[in-house]
Amino acid sequence: MKELLNEYPVITKVPVAWGEMDAFNHVNNVVYFRYFETARIEYFREVALMEEMHKTGVGPVLSETSCCYKLPVTFPDTLYIGSRVSELKDDRFTMEYAIVSQKLGAVATTGTAKVVMFDFNTNQKATLSQLLVDSIQAIEARTIVQQEMV
């Protein structure tokens, strides 16, 4: 199952809760956006983005997100959410996610998010700091090294 997330440098483990199920007996479609949020925050923690935001007042704002449902997930299950940055620009970056179901042994859902940097002091768009760019590139390099070792 780990091989399904080889291209994702940050992996977040999330148990499926009974209350996330809907009337159709599978995880409700809205819940996947919470899963993505959990993985995104874990990635932000890895690159110390929230620490930088507290120091500078510049932080992430979600501008767009999408989800592609491939297989229904049901309780009980454990999900492994891979996250990565697939595109870096001066003021934004794009994240990609893959959710792997332990029970199904397959990718159940994929998604994307566009994150824009925002200066909360001036209420304007901001650029990514060099420290953040370097941190993201270092995390993404882990994936390249992992792939080369396989």
Protein backbone atom coordinates (compact mmCIF):
# COMPACT_ATOMS: atom_id res chain seq x y z
CA MET A 1 0.00 0.00 0.00
CA LYS A 2 2.92 2.33 0.67
CA GLU A 3 3.84 2.19 -3.01
CA LEU A 4 0.55 3.95 -3.83
CA LEU A 5 1.87 7.05 -2.05
CA ASN A 6 5.51 6.96 -3.21
CA GLU A 7 5.16 10.32 -4.96
CA TYR A 8 3.83 12.08 -1.84
CA PRO A 9 6.43 13.30 0.68
CA VAL A 10 3.95 13.89 3.52
CA ILE A 11 1.55 11.15 4.57
CA THR A 12 -1.18 11.69 7.16
CA LYS A 13 -3.01 8.80 8.84
CA VAL A 14 -6.72 9.40 9.57
CA PRO A 15 -9.23 6.93 11.01
CA VAL A 16 -12.71 6.97 9.48
CA ALA A 17 -15.28 7.93 12.12
CA TRP A 18 -18.76 6.40 12.25
CA GLY A 19 -20.31 9.89 12.17
CA GLU A 20 -18.70 10.61 8.78
CA MET A 21 -21.01 8.11 7.09
CA ASP A 22 -24.13 9.29 5.28
CA ALA A 23 -27.52 7.75 4.47
CA PHE A 24 -25.95 5.85 1.56
CA ASN A 25 -23.65 4.00 4.00
CA HIS A 26 -20.36 5.53 2.87
CA VAL A 27 -18.29 8.54 3.89
CA ASN A 28 -20.15 11.72 2.92
CA ASN A 29 -18.58 13.66 0.03
CA VAL A 30 -18.07 16.80 2.14
CA VAL A 31 -15.88 14.93 4.65
CA TYR A 32 -13.14 14.44 2.06
CA PHE A 33 -12.47 18.18 2.12
CA ARG A 34 -11.84 17.87 5.86
CA TYR A 35 -9.43 15.02 5.16
CA PHE A 36 -7.63 17.26 2.64
CA GLU A 37 -7.54 20.05 5.22
CA THR A 38 -5.99 17.73 7.79
CA ALA A 39 -3.30 16.67 5.30
CA ARG A 40 -2.72 20.28 4.21
CA ILE A 41 -2.18 21.43 7.80
CA GLU A 42 0.23 18.52 8.35
CA TYR A 43 2.18 19.63 5.25
CA PHE A 44 2.17 23.23 6.54
CA ARG A 45 3.56 21.95 9.83
CA GLU A 46 6.35 20.13 8.00
CA VAL A 47 7.42 23.36 6.23
CA ALA A 48 6.87 25.51 9.37
CA LEU A 49 4.37 27.68 7.49
CA MET A 50 2.20 28.45 10.51
CA GLU A 51 5.24 29.49 12.57
CA GLU A 52 6.26 31.87 9.81
CA MET A 53 2.71 33.26 9.65
CA HIS A 54 2.75 34.06 13.38
CA LYS A 55 6.03 35.96 12.93
CA THR A 56 5.23 37.85 9.70
CA GLY A 57 1.45 38.04 9.41
CA VAL A 58 1.70 36.40 5.98
CA GLY A 59 -0.08 33.09 5.65
CA PRO A 60 -2.04 30.73 3.43
CA VAL A 61 -5.57 31.25 2.13
CA LEU A 62 -7.34 28.49 0.24
CA SER A 63 -8.51 29.88 -3.10
CA GLU A 64 -9.73 26.74 -4.84
CA THR A 65 -10.15 23.04 -4.10
CA SER A 66 -11.41 19.99 -5.97
CA CYS A 67 -12.06 16.33 -5.33
CA CYS A 68 -12.34 13.23 -7.51
CA TYR A 69 -14.16 10.32 -5.89
CA LYS A 70 -12.94 6.94 -7.15
CA LEU A 71 -14.11 4.36 -4.59
CA PRO A 72 -16.56 4.61 -1.68
CA VAL A 73 -15.01 4.52 1.79
CA THR A 74 -16.91 3.00 4.71
CA PHE A 75 -16.49 2.65 8.46
CA PRO A 76 -14.35 1.09 9.85
CA ASP A 77 -11.27 2.02 7.86
CA THR A 78 -7.99 3.85 8.15
CA LEU A 79 -6.98 6.32 5.46
CA TYR A 80 -3.50 7.40 4.44
CA ILE A 81 -3.49 10.82 2.79
CA GLY A 82 -0.50 11.74 0.67
CA SER A 83 0.12 15.43 0.04
CA ARG A 84 2.58 17.24 -2.19
CA VAL A 85 3.13 20.60 -3.85
CA SER A 86 2.96 20.20 -7.61
CA GLU A 87 3.39 23.84 -8.64
CA LEU A 88 5.10 26.85 -7.05
CA LYS A 89 4.53 30.43 -8.16
CA ASP A 90 5.55 33.77 -6.65
CA ASP A 91 2.36 34.21 -4.64
CA ARG A 92 0.72 30.76 -4.66
CA PHE A 93 1.21 27.03 -4.84
CA THR A 94 -0.86 24.03 -5.87
CA MET A 95 -1.21 20.98 -3.67
CA GLU A 96 -2.27 17.49 -4.72
CA TYR A 97 -3.69 14.77 -2.50
CA ALA A 98 -4.28 11.03 -2.77
CA ILE A 99 -6.35 9.18 -0.18
CA VAL A 100 -5.57 5.49 0.15
CA SER A 101 -8.01 3.20 1.96
CA GLN A 102 -6.32 0.55 4.06
CA LYS A 103 -9.41 -1.66 3.79
CA LEU A 104 -9.60 -1.40 -0.01
CA GLY A 105 -5.86 -1.30 -0.61
CA ALA A 106 -6.38 1.34 -3.29
CA VAL A 107 -6.58 5.05 -3.96
CA ALA A 108 -10.15 6.00 -3.06
CA THR A 109 -9.99 9.75 -3.70
CA THR A 110 -7.72 12.39 -5.22
CA GLY A 111 -7.85 16.13 -4.93
CA THR A 112 -6.15 19.46 -5.45
CA ALA A 113 -5.97 22.80 -3.69
CA LYS A 114 -4.67 26.20 -4.75
CA VAL A 115 -3.20 28.13 -1.85
CA VAL A 116 -2.53 31.86 -2.11
CA MET A 117 -0.26 33.71 0.30
CA PHE A 118 -1.99 36.61 2.02
CA ASP A 119 -0.67 39.44 4.19
CA PHE A 120 -3.17 39.70 7.03
CA ASN A 121 -1.63 43.02 8.12
CA THR A 122 -2.35 44.79 4.81
CA ASN A 123 -5.21 42.57 3.52
CA GLN A 124 -3.35 42.00 0.25
CA LYS A 125 -1.84 39.13 -1.63
CA ALA A 126 1.78 38.42 -0.70
CA THR A 127 4.70 36.51 -2.14
CA LEU A 128 6.09 33.27 -0.78
CA SER A 129 9.14 33.87 1.37
CA GLN A 130 12.41 32.34 0.27
CA LEU A 131 12.41 30.34 3.50
CA LEU A 132 9.05 28.79 2.58
CA VAL A 133 10.14 28.08 -1.00
CA ASP A 134 13.32 26.40 0.27
CA SER A 135 11.32 24.34 2.80
CA ILE A 136 8.83 23.17 0.18
CA GLN A 137 11.63 22.27 -2.24
CA ALA A 138 13.42 20.31 0.50
CA ILE A 139 10.27 18.34 1.35
CA GLU A 140 9.54 17.64 -2.30
CA ALA A 141 13.16 16.50 -2.81
CA ARG A 142 12.45 13.70 -0.32
CA THR A 143 10.05 12.25 -2.89
CA ILE A 144 12.66 12.37 -5.65
CA VAL A 145 15.20 10.60 -3.42
CA GLN A 146 12.62 7.97 -2.42
CA GLN A 147 11.80 7.31 -6.08
CA GLU A 148 15.46 6.98 -7.01
CA MET A 149 15.97 4.40 -4.25
CA VAL A 150 13.14 2.18 -5.52
